[in-house]
Amino acid sequence: MSKRRYVARGVPGGYRIWDNRGRKWWGDHYELCPDDLLRELNGDANREAITALMKRYRALKR
């Protein structure tokens, strides 16, 4: 069984997305991990869906 590519990991002050294949943080730091983003990461982990959700939450932060 292979590891999931993207996982949400707790970091001081919130959550970040860890890319297991690239072995680096991917995307923004979140104080609270949005539920739909967390569901996608723990579910199918579709890169396009994750990217769309991240763009949506990044726009809300502005």
N, C-alpha and C. Protein backbone atom coordinates (compact mmCIF):
# COMPACT_ATOMS: atom_id res chain seq x y z
N MET A 1 0.84 -1.18 0.00
CA MET A 1 0.00 0.00 0.00
C MET A 1 0.89 1.24 0.00
N SER A 2 0.61 2.16 -0.88
CA SER A 2 1.43 3.36 -0.98
C SER A 2 0.90 4.46 -0.06
N LYS A 3 1.81 5.34 0.32
CA LYS A 3 1.44 6.49 1.15
C LYS A 3 0.66 7.49 0.32
N ARG A 4 -0.19 8.23 0.97
CA ARG A 4 -0.88 9.32 0.27
C ARG A 4 0.14 10.38 -0.08
N ARG A 5 -0.12 11.05 -1.20
CA ARG A 5 0.83 12.07 -1.63
C ARG A 5 0.74 13.31 -0.74
N TYR A 6 -0.47 13.79 -0.47
CA TYR A 6 -0.65 15.01 0.32
C TYR A 6 -1.32 14.69 1.64
N VAL A 7 -0.83 15.26 2.70
CA VAL A 7 -1.46 15.11 4.01
C VAL A 7 -1.43 16.45 4.73
N ALA A 8 -2.45 16.68 5.57
CA ALA A 8 -2.46 17.88 6.40
C ALA A 8 -1.70 17.54 7.67
N ARG A 9 -0.76 18.38 8.04
CA ARG A 9 0.02 18.16 9.26
C ARG A 9 -0.08 19.38 10.16
N GLY A 10 -0.20 19.11 11.43
CA GLY A 10 -0.23 20.19 12.41
C GLY A 10 1.16 20.80 12.56
N VAL A 11 1.23 22.10 12.56
CA VAL A 11 2.47 22.84 12.80
C VAL A 11 2.14 23.92 13.82
N PRO A 12 3.14 24.52 14.46
CA PRO A 12 2.83 25.58 15.42
C PRO A 12 1.95 26.66 14.80
N GLY A 13 0.79 26.89 15.39
CA GLY A 13 -0.11 27.94 14.91
C GLY A 13 -1.11 27.49 13.88
N GLY A 14 -1.16 26.20 13.53
CA GLY A 14 -2.15 25.76 12.55
C GLY A 14 -1.77 24.49 11.81
N TYR A 15 -2.06 24.48 10.51
CA TYR A 15 -1.82 23.33 9.66
C TYR A 15 -1.10 23.74 8.38
N ARG A 16 -0.34 22.81 7.81
CA ARG A 16 0.25 22.97 6.48
C ARG A 16 0.03 21.67 5.73
N ILE A 17 0.19 21.71 4.42
CA ILE A 17 0.05 20.52 3.59
C ILE A 17 1.43 20.00 3.26
N TRP A 18 1.66 18.72 3.54
CA TRP A 18 2.94 18.07 3.28
C TRP A 18 2.82 17.21 2.04
N ASP A 19 3.75 17.36 1.10
CA ASP A 19 3.82 16.56 -0.13
C ASP A 19 4.81 15.43 0.13
N ASN A 20 4.30 14.20 0.29
CA ASN A 20 5.17 13.05 0.56
C ASN A 20 6.11 12.73 -0.60
N ARG A 21 5.64 12.89 -1.81
CA ARG A 21 6.48 12.57 -2.97
C ARG A 21 7.59 13.60 -3.14
N GLY A 22 7.25 14.88 -3.01
CA GLY A 22 8.23 15.95 -3.16
C GLY A 22 9.02 16.21 -1.89
N ARG A 23 8.53 15.65 -0.77
CA ARG A 23 9.16 15.80 0.55
C ARG A 23 9.38 17.27 0.91
N LYS A 24 8.29 18.06 0.77
CA LYS A 24 8.34 19.48 1.12
C LYS A 24 6.93 19.96 1.44
N TRP A 25 6.86 21.13 2.08
CA TRP A 25 5.56 21.75 2.34
C TRP A 25 5.00 22.26 1.03
N TRP A 26 3.67 22.18 0.88
CA TRP A 26 3.01 22.59 -0.35
C TRP A 26 1.88 23.54 0.03
N GLY A 27 1.86 24.71 -0.53
CA GLY A 27 0.77 25.65 -0.28
C GLY A 27 0.98 26.53 0.94
N ASP A 28 -0.13 27.07 1.42
CA ASP A 28 -0.12 28.07 2.48
C ASP A 28 -0.21 27.44 3.87
N HIS A 29 0.04 28.28 4.87
CA HIS A 29 -0.16 27.93 6.27
C HIS A 29 -1.59 28.32 6.63
N TYR A 30 -2.32 27.43 7.28
CA TYR A 30 -3.70 27.71 7.70
C TYR A 30 -3.78 27.72 9.21
N GLU A 31 -4.43 28.71 9.79
CA GLU A 31 -4.65 28.70 11.23
C GLU A 31 -5.63 27.60 11.58
N LEU A 32 -6.66 27.46 10.79
CA LEU A 32 -7.61 26.38 10.91
C LEU A 32 -7.65 25.65 9.57
N CYS A 33 -7.65 24.35 9.61
CA CYS A 33 -7.67 23.59 8.36
C CYS A 33 -9.13 23.49 7.90
N PRO A 34 -9.49 24.06 6.76
CA PRO A 34 -10.87 24.01 6.28
C PRO A 34 -11.33 22.56 6.11
N ASP A 35 -12.57 22.27 6.50
CA ASP A 35 -13.09 20.90 6.47
C ASP A 35 -13.06 20.28 5.08
N ASP A 36 -13.48 21.04 4.05
CA ASP A 36 -13.51 20.45 2.71
C ASP A 36 -12.10 20.16 2.19
N LEU A 37 -11.13 20.98 2.53
CA LEU A 37 -9.74 20.71 2.15
C LEU A 37 -9.23 19.46 2.87
N LEU A 38 -9.54 19.34 4.14
CA LEU A 38 -9.12 18.17 4.90
C LEU A 38 -9.77 16.90 4.36
N ARG A 39 -11.05 16.96 3.99
CA ARG A 39 -11.74 15.80 3.40
C ARG A 39 -11.07 15.38 2.10
N GLU A 40 -10.71 16.35 1.26
CA GLU A 40 -10.06 16.03 -0.01
C GLU A 40 -8.69 15.41 0.22
N LEU A 41 -7.93 15.95 1.17
CA LEU A 41 -6.61 15.39 1.47
C LEU A 41 -6.71 13.97 2.01
N ASN A 42 -7.70 13.70 2.84
CA ASN A 42 -7.86 12.38 3.42
C ASN A 42 -8.62 11.42 2.52
N GLY A 43 -9.23 11.95 1.48
CA GLY A 43 -9.99 11.12 0.55
C GLY A 43 -9.20 10.82 -0.70
N ASP A 44 -9.69 11.32 -1.84
CA ASP A 44 -9.07 11.04 -3.14
C ASP A 44 -7.75 11.76 -3.35
N ALA A 45 -7.54 12.87 -2.68
CA ALA A 45 -6.33 13.69 -2.81
C ALA A 45 -6.07 14.08 -4.27
N ASN A 46 -7.13 14.53 -4.94
CA ASN A 46 -7.04 14.98 -6.31
C ASN A 46 -6.32 16.33 -6.34
N ARG A 47 -5.21 16.39 -7.05
CA ARG A 47 -4.38 17.61 -7.06
C ARG A 47 -5.15 18.83 -7.56
N GLU A 48 -5.96 18.65 -8.60
CA GLU A 48 -6.72 19.77 -9.16
C GLU A 48 -7.74 20.30 -8.14
N ALA A 49 -8.40 19.40 -7.44
CA ALA A 49 -9.39 19.81 -6.44
C ALA A 49 -8.70 20.51 -5.27
N ILE A 50 -7.56 19.98 -4.83
CA ILE A 50 -6.82 20.60 -3.74
C ILE A 50 -6.35 21.99 -4.14
N THR A 51 -5.85 22.14 -5.36
CA THR A 51 -5.38 23.43 -5.85
C THR A 51 -6.54 24.43 -5.90
N ALA A 52 -7.71 24.00 -6.38
CA ALA A 52 -8.87 24.88 -6.46
C ALA A 52 -9.31 25.33 -5.06
N LEU A 53 -9.31 24.41 -4.10
CA LEU A 53 -9.68 24.77 -2.73
C LEU A 53 -8.67 25.75 -2.13
N MET A 54 -7.40 25.52 -2.39
CA MET A 54 -6.37 26.41 -1.85
C MET A 54 -6.50 27.81 -2.43
N LYS A 55 -6.79 27.91 -3.74
CA LYS A 55 -6.97 29.22 -4.36
C LYS A 55 -8.17 29.94 -3.74
N ARG A 56 -9.23 29.17 -3.48
CA ARG A 56 -10.43 29.75 -2.88
C ARG A 56 -10.13 30.32 -1.48
N TYR A 57 -9.43 29.54 -0.66
CA TYR A 57 -9.13 30.02 0.69
C TYR A 57 -8.09 31.12 0.70
N ARG A 58 -7.18 31.10 -0.26
CA ARG A 58 -6.17 32.17 -0.36
C ARG A 58 -6.88 33.49 -0.71
N ALA A 59 -7.88 33.43 -1.59
CA ALA A 59 -8.63 34.64 -1.96
C ALA A 59 -9.42 35.18 -0.77
N LEU A 60 -9.94 34.30 0.08
CA LEU A 60 -10.70 34.74 1.25
C LEU A 60 -9.81 35.42 2.29
N LYS A 61 -8.52 35.08 2.30
CA LYS A 61 -7.60 35.67 3.27
C LYS A 61 -7.28 37.12 2.95
N ARG A 62 -7.50 37.55 1.70
CA ARG A 62 -7.16 38.91 1.28
C ARG A 62 -8.16 39.91 1.77
